[in-house]
Amino acid sequence: KIPNFLERMLKYAAPSLLTAICIPIIFFDGQHVLKEMPNNPYLYAAIFSIFVSLITRHILVSLILSLIFFYILIYFLT
């Protein structure tokens, strides 16, 4: 059996890892150069996906709506 403190720490491992992977993709373009904020579809799609996941509470629906929103942004902003 895993001790309680270790089990509580492991609940934060996946969100922390996902954040560490996503932040450079959202904010940086190439070699440590910040992306332009007004025209950053990654940032808008990340914010949209957070709101959709909080509202729907369904992983598949959130994923599909977020991808559709992201591709629409890519099409219109680039």
C-alpha atoms as a PDB file:
ATOM      1  CA  LYS A   1       0.000   0.000   0.000  1.00  0.00           C
ATOM      2  CA  ILE A   2       1.182   3.482  -0.918  1.00  0.00           C
ATOM      3  CA  PRO A   3       1.451   5.945   1.985  1.00  0.00           C
ATOM      4  CA  ASN A   4      -1.089   8.780   2.036  1.00  0.00           C
ATOM      5  CA  PHE A   5       1.453  11.571   1.491  1.00  0.00           C
ATOM      6  CA  LEU A   6       2.837   9.809  -1.595  1.00  0.00           C
ATOM      7  CA  GLU A   7      -0.658   9.233  -2.979  1.00  0.00           C
ATOM      8  CA  ARG A   8      -1.496  12.930  -2.515  1.00  0.00           C
ATOM      9  CA  MET A   9       1.738  13.939  -4.269  1.00  0.00           C
ATOM     10  CA  LEU A  10       0.994  11.663  -7.228  1.00  0.00           C
ATOM     11  CA  LYS A  11      -2.365  13.394  -7.811  1.00  0.00           C
ATOM     12  CA  TYR A  12      -0.422  16.522  -8.813  1.00  0.00           C
ATOM     13  CA  ALA A  13       2.139  14.729 -11.015  1.00  0.00           C
ATOM     14  CA  ALA A  14       0.063  14.573 -14.224  1.00  0.00           C
ATOM     15  CA  PRO A  15      -1.106  18.230 -14.208  1.00  0.00           C
ATOM     16  CA  SER A  16       2.415  19.389 -13.388  1.00  0.00           C
ATOM     17  CA  LEU A  17       3.930  17.344 -16.197  1.00  0.00           C
ATOM     18  CA  LEU A  18       1.305  18.498 -18.670  1.00  0.00           C
ATOM     19  CA  THR A  19       1.910  22.129 -17.695  1.00  0.00           C
ATOM     20  CA  ALA A  20       5.663  21.725 -18.123  1.00  0.00           C
ATOM     21  CA  ILE A  21       5.132  20.333 -21.626  1.00  0.00           C
ATOM     22  CA  CYS A  22       2.468  22.816 -22.768  1.00  0.00           C
ATOM     23  CA  ILE A  23       3.889  26.144 -21.564  1.00  0.00           C
ATOM     24  CA  PRO A  24       6.813  26.245 -24.046  1.00  0.00           C
ATOM     25  CA  ILE A  25       4.482  25.272 -26.901  1.00  0.00           C
ATOM     26  CA  ILE A  26       1.979  27.997 -26.032  1.00  0.00           C
ATOM     27  CA  PHE A  27       4.339  30.887 -25.310  1.00  0.00           C
ATOM     28  CA  PHE A  28       7.605  30.260 -27.199  1.00  0.00           C
ATOM     29  CA  ASP A  29       8.341  30.139 -30.901  1.00  0.00           C
ATOM     30  CA  GLY A  30      11.493  28.257 -31.755  1.00  0.00           C
ATOM     31  CA  GLN A  31      14.605  29.105 -29.784  1.00  0.00           C
ATOM     32  CA  HIS A  32      13.456  31.029 -26.692  1.00  0.00           C
ATOM     33  CA  VAL A  33      11.593  33.713 -28.654  1.00  0.00           C
ATOM     34  CA  LEU A  34       8.180  34.727 -27.308  1.00  0.00           C
ATOM     35  CA  LYS A  35       5.257  34.399 -29.696  1.00  0.00           C
ATOM     36  CA  GLU A  36       3.227  37.469 -30.563  1.00  0.00           C
ATOM     37  CA  MET A  37       0.406  37.643 -28.036  1.00  0.00           C
ATOM     38  CA  PRO A  38      -2.393  39.228 -30.129  1.00  0.00           C
ATOM     39  CA  ASN A  39      -1.971  36.590 -32.854  1.00  0.00           C
ATOM     40  CA  ASN A  40      -1.259  33.535 -30.720  1.00  0.00           C
ATOM     41  CA  PRO A  41      -3.851  30.846 -31.516  1.00  0.00           C
ATOM     42  CA  TYR A  42      -2.191  28.450 -29.060  1.00  0.00           C
ATOM     43  CA  LEU A  43      -2.900  30.790 -26.141  1.00  0.00           C
ATOM     44  CA  TYR A  44      -6.511  31.399 -27.156  1.00  0.00           C
ATOM     45  CA  ALA A  45      -7.097  27.674 -27.716  1.00  0.00           C
ATOM     46  CA  ALA A  46      -5.596  26.840 -24.306  1.00  0.00           C
ATOM     47  CA  ILE A  47      -7.860  29.351 -22.563  1.00  0.00           C
ATOM     48  CA  PHE A  48     -10.867  28.093 -24.524  1.00  0.00           C
ATOM     49  CA  SER A  49     -10.094  24.464 -23.657  1.00  0.00           C
ATOM     50  CA  ILE A  50      -9.885  25.304 -19.947  1.00  0.00           C
ATOM     51  CA  PHE A  51     -13.306  26.945 -20.014  1.00  0.00           C
ATOM     52  CA  VAL A  52     -14.869  24.169 -22.088  1.00  0.00           C
ATOM     53  CA  SER A  53     -13.500  21.482 -19.779  1.00  0.00           C
ATOM     54  CA  LEU A  54     -14.821  23.327 -16.721  1.00  0.00           C
ATOM     55  CA  ILE A  55     -18.267  23.683 -18.280  1.00  0.00           C
ATOM     56  CA  THR A  56     -18.735  20.268 -19.890  1.00  0.00           C
ATOM     57  CA  ARG A  57     -16.730  17.993 -17.555  1.00  0.00           C
ATOM     58  CA  HIS A  58     -16.428  15.467 -20.440  1.00  0.00           C
ATOM     59  CA  ILE A  59     -12.972  14.743 -21.807  1.00  0.00           C
ATOM     60  CA  LEU A  60     -14.030  13.749 -25.320  1.00  0.00           C
ATOM     61  CA  VAL A  61     -16.397  16.710 -25.812  1.00  0.00           C
ATOM     62  CA  SER A  62     -13.749  19.106 -24.477  1.00  0.00           C
ATOM     63  CA  LEU A  63     -11.105  17.642 -26.752  1.00  0.00           C
ATOM     64  CA  ILE A  64     -13.241  17.812 -29.886  1.00  0.00           C
ATOM     65  CA  LEU A  65     -14.495  21.363 -29.244  1.00  0.00           C
ATOM     66  CA  SER A  66     -11.004  22.574 -28.381  1.00  0.00           C
ATOM     67  CA  LEU A  67      -9.499  21.077 -31.526  1.00  0.00           C
ATOM     68  CA  ILE A  68     -12.217  22.576 -33.702  1.00  0.00           C
ATOM     69  CA  PHE A  69     -11.683  25.978 -32.079  1.00  0.00           C
ATOM     70  CA  PHE A  70      -7.898  25.693 -32.500  1.00  0.00           C
ATOM     71  CA  TYR A  71      -8.096  24.794 -36.191  1.00  0.00           C
ATOM     72  CA  ILE A  72     -10.536  27.635 -36.842  1.00  0.00           C
ATOM     73  CA  LEU A  73      -8.098  30.023 -35.153  1.00  0.00           C
ATOM     74  CA  ILE A  74      -5.172  28.678 -37.173  1.00  0.00           C
ATOM     75  CA  TYR A  75      -7.163  29.157 -40.375  1.00  0.00           C
ATOM     76  CA  PHE A  76      -8.184  32.759 -39.617  1.00  0.00           C
ATOM     77  CA  LEU A  77      -5.089  34.061 -37.773  1.00  0.00           C
ATOM     78  CA  THR A  78      -2.402  32.766 -40.137  1.00  0.00           C
END
